[in-house]
Amino acid sequence: MRNKFIKSSRINKAVAAIQRGEFTYYANIAREFKCNRSAVSRRIRGLTKSKKEANLFWY
């Protein structure tokens, strides 16, 4: 369970950095934050939600 939380927090940090304009390429930010490039891309496009947002939706 902790591993999923760590992955999600890394992706959230990567998304925040993209939104601030620090990075333009998903591959570069994925390498920097040690997360999956496609996961960052999906989160940016709104195809997936963070664990916290998903829990709020269902409960």
PDB file of N, CA and C in Angstrom:
ATOM      1  N   MET A   1       0.823  -1.189   0.000  1.00  0.00           N
ATOM      2  CA  MET A   1       0.000   0.000   0.000  1.00  0.00           C
ATOM      3  C   MET A   1       0.866   1.252   0.000  1.00  0.00           C
ATOM      4  N   ARG A   2       1.926   1.226   0.771  1.00  0.00           N
ATOM      5  CA  ARG A   2       2.805   2.393   0.853  1.00  0.00           C
ATOM      6  C   ARG A   2       3.450   2.698  -0.495  1.00  0.00           C
ATOM      7  N   ASN A   3       3.784   1.652  -1.244  1.00  0.00           N
ATOM      8  CA  ASN A   3       4.412   1.830  -2.549  1.00  0.00           C
ATOM      9  C   ASN A   3       3.493   2.598  -3.497  1.00  0.00           C
ATOM     10  N   LYS A   4       2.179   2.316  -3.460  1.00  0.00           N
ATOM     11  CA  LYS A   4       1.230   3.026  -4.310  1.00  0.00           C
ATOM     12  C   LYS A   4       1.160   4.500  -3.913  1.00  0.00           C
ATOM     13  N   PHE A   5       1.228   4.768  -2.620  1.00  0.00           N
ATOM     14  CA  PHE A   5       1.195   6.153  -2.149  1.00  0.00           C
ATOM     15  C   PHE A   5       2.428   6.911  -2.626  1.00  0.00           C
ATOM     16  N   ILE A   6       3.578   6.275  -2.585  1.00  0.00           N
ATOM     17  CA  ILE A   6       4.818   6.907  -3.023  1.00  0.00           C
ATOM     18  C   ILE A   6       4.753   7.189  -4.524  1.00  0.00           C
ATOM     19  N   LYS A   7       4.258   6.217  -5.309  1.00  0.00           N
ATOM     20  CA  LYS A   7       4.126   6.421  -6.759  1.00  0.00           C
ATOM     21  C   LYS A   7       3.189   7.580  -7.050  1.00  0.00           C
ATOM     22  N   SER A   8       2.052   7.606  -6.368  1.00  0.00           N
ATOM     23  CA  SER A   8       1.065   8.648  -6.601  1.00  0.00           C
ATOM     24  C   SER A   8       1.613  10.025  -6.232  1.00  0.00           C
ATOM     25  N   SER A   9       2.371  10.100  -5.142  1.00  0.00           N
ATOM     26  CA  SER A   9       2.926  11.394  -4.735  1.00  0.00           C
ATOM     27  C   SER A   9       3.988  11.868  -5.728  1.00  0.00           C
ATOM     28  N   ARG A  10       4.756  10.940  -6.282  1.00  0.00           N
ATOM     29  CA  ARG A  10       5.746  11.321  -7.303  1.00  0.00           C
ATOM     30  C   ARG A  10       5.049  11.857  -8.550  1.00  0.00           C
ATOM     31  N   ILE A  11       3.978  11.197  -8.948  1.00  0.00           N
ATOM     32  CA  ILE A  11       3.239  11.646 -10.125  1.00  0.00           C
ATOM     33  C   ILE A  11       2.616  13.014  -9.861  1.00  0.00           C
ATOM     34  N   ASN A  12       2.067  13.207  -8.669  1.00  0.00           N
ATOM     35  CA  ASN A  12       1.485  14.510  -8.325  1.00  0.00           C
ATOM     36  C   ASN A  12       2.530  15.619  -8.387  1.00  0.00           C
ATOM     37  N   LYS A  13       3.725  15.341  -7.894  1.00  0.00           N
ATOM     38  CA  LYS A  13       4.804  16.335  -7.932  1.00  0.00           C
ATOM     39  C   LYS A  13       5.209  16.625  -9.380  1.00  0.00           C
ATOM     40  N   ALA A  14       5.241  15.590 -10.205  1.00  0.00           N
ATOM     41  CA  ALA A  14       5.592  15.766 -11.618  1.00  0.00           C
ATOM     42  C   ALA A  14       4.542  16.614 -12.333  1.00  0.00           C
ATOM     43  N   VAL A  15       3.278  16.343 -12.068  1.00  0.00           N
ATOM     44  CA  VAL A  15       2.198  17.108 -12.686  1.00  0.00           C
ATOM     45  C   VAL A  15       2.273  18.573 -12.255  1.00  0.00           C
ATOM     46  N   ALA A  16       2.533  18.797 -10.979  1.00  0.00           N
ATOM     47  CA  ALA A  16       2.643  20.173 -10.479  1.00  0.00           C
ATOM     48  C   ALA A  16       3.799  20.907 -11.160  1.00  0.00           C
ATOM     49  N   ALA A  17       4.912  20.219 -11.366  1.00  0.00           N
ATOM     50  CA  ALA A  17       6.061  20.840 -12.029  1.00  0.00           C
ATOM     51  C   ALA A  17       5.736  21.183 -13.481  1.00  0.00           C
ATOM     52  N   ILE A  18       5.000  20.328 -14.151  1.00  0.00           N
ATOM     53  CA  ILE A  18       4.598  20.614 -15.528  1.00  0.00           C
ATOM     54  C   ILE A  18       3.667  21.823 -15.552  1.00  0.00           C
ATOM     55  N   GLN A  19       2.724  21.862 -14.629  1.00  0.00           N
ATOM     56  CA  GLN A  19       1.780  22.976 -14.580  1.00  0.00           C
ATOM     57  C   GLN A  19       2.473  24.298 -14.264  1.00  0.00           C
ATOM     58  N   ARG A  20       3.561  24.238 -13.515  1.00  0.00           N
ATOM     59  CA  ARG A  20       4.333  25.456 -13.228  1.00  0.00           C
ATOM     60  C   ARG A  20       5.200  25.868 -14.413  1.00  0.00           C
ATOM     61  N   GLY A  21       5.341  24.985 -15.390  1.00  0.00           N
ATOM     62  CA  GLY A  21       6.126  25.292 -16.577  1.00  0.00           C
ATOM     63  C   GLY A  21       7.597  24.960 -16.450  1.00  0.00           C
ATOM     64  N   GLU A  22       7.968  24.157 -15.472  1.00  0.00           N
ATOM     65  CA  GLU A  22       9.373  23.794 -15.270  1.00  0.00           C
ATOM     66  C   GLU A  22       9.867  22.806 -16.328  1.00  0.00           C
ATOM     67  N   PHE A  23       8.977  21.969 -16.842  1.00  0.00           N
ATOM     68  CA  PHE A  23       9.328  20.955 -17.837  1.00  0.00           C
ATOM     69  C   PHE A  23       8.328  21.024 -18.977  1.00  0.00           C
ATOM     70  N   THR A  24       8.754  20.585 -20.152  1.00  0.00           N
ATOM     71  CA  THR A  24       7.839  20.535 -21.284  1.00  0.00           C
ATOM     72  C   THR A  24       7.677  19.114 -21.813  1.00  0.00           C
ATOM     73  N   TYR A  25       8.633  18.241 -21.580  1.00  0.00           N
ATOM     74  CA  TYR A  25       8.571  16.874 -22.081  1.00  0.00           C
ATOM     75  C   TYR A  25       8.304  15.898 -20.948  1.00  0.00           C
ATOM     76  N   TYR A  26       7.323  15.027 -21.172  1.00  0.00           N
ATOM     77  CA  TYR A  26       6.959  14.046 -20.153  1.00  0.00           C
ATOM     78  C   TYR A  26       8.112  13.104 -19.827  1.00  0.00           C
ATOM     79  N   ALA A  27       8.893  12.746 -20.819  1.00  0.00           N
ATOM     80  CA  ALA A  27      10.010  11.825 -20.583  1.00  0.00           C
ATOM     81  C   ALA A  27      11.027  12.432 -19.623  1.00  0.00           C
ATOM     82  N   ASN A  28      11.310  13.707 -19.788  1.00  0.00           N
ATOM     83  CA  ASN A  28      12.279  14.367 -18.903  1.00  0.00           C
ATOM     84  C   ASN A  28      11.774  14.445 -17.471  1.00  0.00           C
ATOM     85  N   ILE A  29      10.513  14.786 -17.311  1.00  0.00           N
ATOM     86  CA  ILE A  29       9.981  14.915 -15.954  1.00  0.00           C
ATOM     87  C   ILE A  29       9.834  13.545 -15.290  1.00  0.00           C
ATOM     88  N   ALA A  30       9.489  12.528 -16.081  1.00  0.00           N
ATOM     89  CA  ALA A  30       9.382  11.179 -15.529  1.00  0.00           C
ATOM     90  C   ALA A  30      10.737  10.698 -15.024  1.00  0.00           C
ATOM     91  N   ARG A  31      11.776  11.012 -15.771  1.00  0.00           N
ATOM     92  CA  ARG A  31      13.124  10.642 -15.347  1.00  0.00           C
ATOM     93  C   ARG A  31      13.505  11.390 -14.069  1.00  0.00           C
ATOM     94  N   GLU A  32      13.161  12.665 -14.003  1.00  0.00           N
ATOM     95  CA  GLU A  32      13.513  13.499 -12.850  1.00  0.00           C
ATOM     96  C   GLU A  32      12.808  13.029 -11.573  1.00  0.00           C
ATOM     97  N   PHE A  33      11.530  12.702 -11.675  1.00  0.00           N
ATOM     98  CA  PHE A  33      10.751  12.329 -10.496  1.00  0.00           C
ATOM     99  C   PHE A  33      10.625  10.822 -10.310  1.00  0.00           C
ATOM    100  N   LYS A  34      11.319  10.042 -11.157  1.00  0.00           N
ATOM    101  CA  LYS A  34      11.348   8.581 -11.066  1.00  0.00           C
ATOM    102  C   LYS A  34       9.943   7.985 -11.076  1.00  0.00           C
ATOM    103  N   CYS A  35       9.196   8.337 -12.113  1.00  0.00           N
ATOM    104  CA  CYS A  35       7.865   7.778 -12.284  1.00  0.00           C
ATOM    105  C   CYS A  35       7.655   7.454 -13.758  1.00  0.00           C
ATOM    106  N   ASN A  36       6.525   6.868 -14.063  1.00  0.00           N
ATOM    107  CA  ASN A  36       6.226   6.417 -15.411  1.00  0.00           C
ATOM    108  C   ASN A  36       5.750   7.583 -16.283  1.00  0.00           C
ATOM    109  N   ARG A  37       6.305   7.702 -17.484  1.00  0.00           N
ATOM    110  CA  ARG A  37       5.943   8.783 -18.384  1.00  0.00           C
ATOM    111  C   ARG A  37       4.468   8.735 -18.768  1.00  0.00           C
ATOM    112  N   SER A  38       3.979   7.553 -19.055  1.00  0.00           N
ATOM    113  CA  SER A  38       2.586   7.440 -19.470  1.00  0.00           C
ATOM    114  C   SER A  38       1.626   7.745 -18.319  1.00  0.00           C
ATOM    115  N   ALA A  39       2.015   7.446 -17.099  1.00  0.00           N
ATOM    116  CA  ALA A  39       1.177   7.772 -15.942  1.00  0.00           C
ATOM    117  C   ALA A  39       1.054   9.284 -15.776  1.00  0.00           C
ATOM    118  N   VAL A  40       2.149   9.991 -15.979  1.00  0.00           N
ATOM    119  CA  VAL A  40       2.123  11.460 -15.904  1.00  0.00           C
ATOM    120  C   VAL A  40       1.243  12.011 -17.014  1.00  0.00           C
ATOM    121  N   SER A  41       1.382  11.471 -18.204  1.00  0.00           N
ATOM    122  CA  SER A  41       0.589  11.922 -19.338  1.00  0.00           C
ATOM    123  C   SER A  41      -0.902  11.701 -19.095  1.00  0.00           C
ATOM    124  N   ARG A  42      -1.254  10.527 -18.597  1.00  0.00           N
ATOM    125  CA  ARG A  42      -2.664  10.238 -18.318  1.00  0.00           C
ATOM    126  C   ARG A  42      -3.221  11.162 -17.243  1.00  0.00           C
ATOM    127  N   ARG A  43      -2.425  11.432 -16.223  1.00  0.00           N
ATOM    128  CA  ARG A  43      -2.891  12.316 -15.145  1.00  0.00           C
ATOM    129  C   ARG A  43      -3.097  13.735 -15.656  1.00  0.00           C
ATOM    130  N   ILE A  44      -2.200  14.219 -16.497  1.00  0.00           N
ATOM    131  CA  ILE A  44      -2.329  15.562 -17.068  1.00  0.00           C
ATOM    132  C   ILE A  44      -3.591  15.662 -17.931  1.00  0.00           C
ATOM    133  N   ARG A  45      -3.847  14.635 -18.726  1.00  0.00           N
ATOM    134  CA  ARG A  45      -5.003  14.656 -19.621  1.00  0.00           C
ATOM    135  C   ARG A  45      -6.315  14.385 -18.904  1.00  0.00           C
ATOM    136  N   GLY A  46      -6.246  14.011 -17.621  1.00  0.00           N
ATOM    137  CA  GLY A  46      -7.459  13.779 -16.846  1.00  0.00           C
ATOM    138  C   GLY A  46      -8.047  12.397 -17.020  1.00  0.00           C
ATOM    139  N   LEU A  47      -7.278  11.474 -17.568  1.00  0.00           N
ATOM    140  CA  LEU A  47      -7.773  10.115 -17.755  1.00  0.00           C
ATOM    141  C   LEU A  47      -7.727   9.310 -16.466  1.00  0.00           C
ATOM    142  N   THR A  48      -6.830   9.672 -15.565  1.00  0.00           N
ATOM    143  CA  THR A  48      -6.768   9.031 -14.251  1.00  0.00           C
ATOM    144  C   THR A  48      -6.743  10.122 -13.197  1.00  0.00           C
ATOM    145  N   LYS A  49      -7.087   9.735 -12.006  1.00  0.00           N
ATOM    146  CA  LYS A  49      -7.108  10.687 -10.901  1.00  0.00           C
ATOM    147  C   LYS A  49      -6.140  10.224  -9.840  1.00  0.00           C
ATOM    148  N   SER A  50      -5.774  11.135  -8.977  1.00  0.00           N
ATOM    149  CA  SER A  50      -4.922  10.742  -7.867  1.00  0.00           C
ATOM    150  C   SER A  50      -5.733   9.852  -6.941  1.00  0.00           C
ATOM    151  N   LYS A  51      -5.084   9.100  -6.109  1.00  0.00           N
ATOM    152  CA  LYS A  51      -5.738   8.189  -5.173  1.00  0.00           C
ATOM    153  C   LYS A  51      -6.726   8.948  -4.284  1.00  0.00           C
ATOM    154  N   LYS A  52      -6.331  10.114  -3.830  1.00  0.00           N
ATOM    155  CA  LYS A  52      -7.178  10.925  -2.955  1.00  0.00           C
ATOM    156  C   LYS A  52      -8.442  11.366  -3.689  1.00  0.00           C
ATOM    157  N   GLU A  53      -8.307  11.831  -4.912  1.00  0.00           N
ATOM    158  CA  GLU A  53      -9.474  12.246  -5.690  1.00  0.00           C
ATOM    159  C   GLU A  53     -10.382  11.079  -5.998  1.00  0.00           C
ATOM    160  N   ALA A  54      -9.811   9.929  -6.296  1.00  0.00           N
ATOM    161  CA  ALA A  54     -10.611   8.740  -6.588  1.00  0.00           C
ATOM    162  C   ALA A  54     -11.408   8.313  -5.356  1.00  0.00           C
ATOM    163  N   ASN A  55     -10.789   8.356  -4.184  1.00  0.00           N
ATOM    164  CA  ASN A  55     -11.490   7.986  -2.958  1.00  0.00           C
ATOM    165  C   ASN A  55     -12.621   8.955  -2.658  1.00  0.00           C
ATOM    166  N   LEU A  56     -12.421  10.237  -2.896  1.00  0.00           N
ATOM    167  CA  LEU A  56     -13.475  11.215  -2.655  1.00  0.00           C
ATOM    168  C   LEU A  56     -14.652  10.987  -3.598  1.00  0.00           C
ATOM    169  N   PHE A  57     -14.383  10.523  -4.789  1.00  0.00           N
ATOM    170  CA  PHE A  57     -15.430  10.259  -5.769  1.00  0.00           C
ATOM    171  C   PHE A  57     -16.303   9.091  -5.349  1.00  0.00           C
ATOM    172  N   TRP A  58     -15.681   8.047  -4.834  1.00  0.00           N
ATOM    173  CA  TRP A  58     -16.421   6.823  -4.520  1.00  0.00           C
ATOM    174  C   TRP A  58     -17.006   6.812  -3.118  1.00  0.00           C
ATOM    175  N   TYR A  59     -16.505   7.616  -2.192  1.00  0.00           N
ATOM    176  CA  TYR A  59     -16.998   7.566  -0.805  1.00  0.00           C
ATOM    177  C   TYR A  59     -17.545   8.893  -0.367  1.00  0.00           C
TER     178      TYR A  59
END
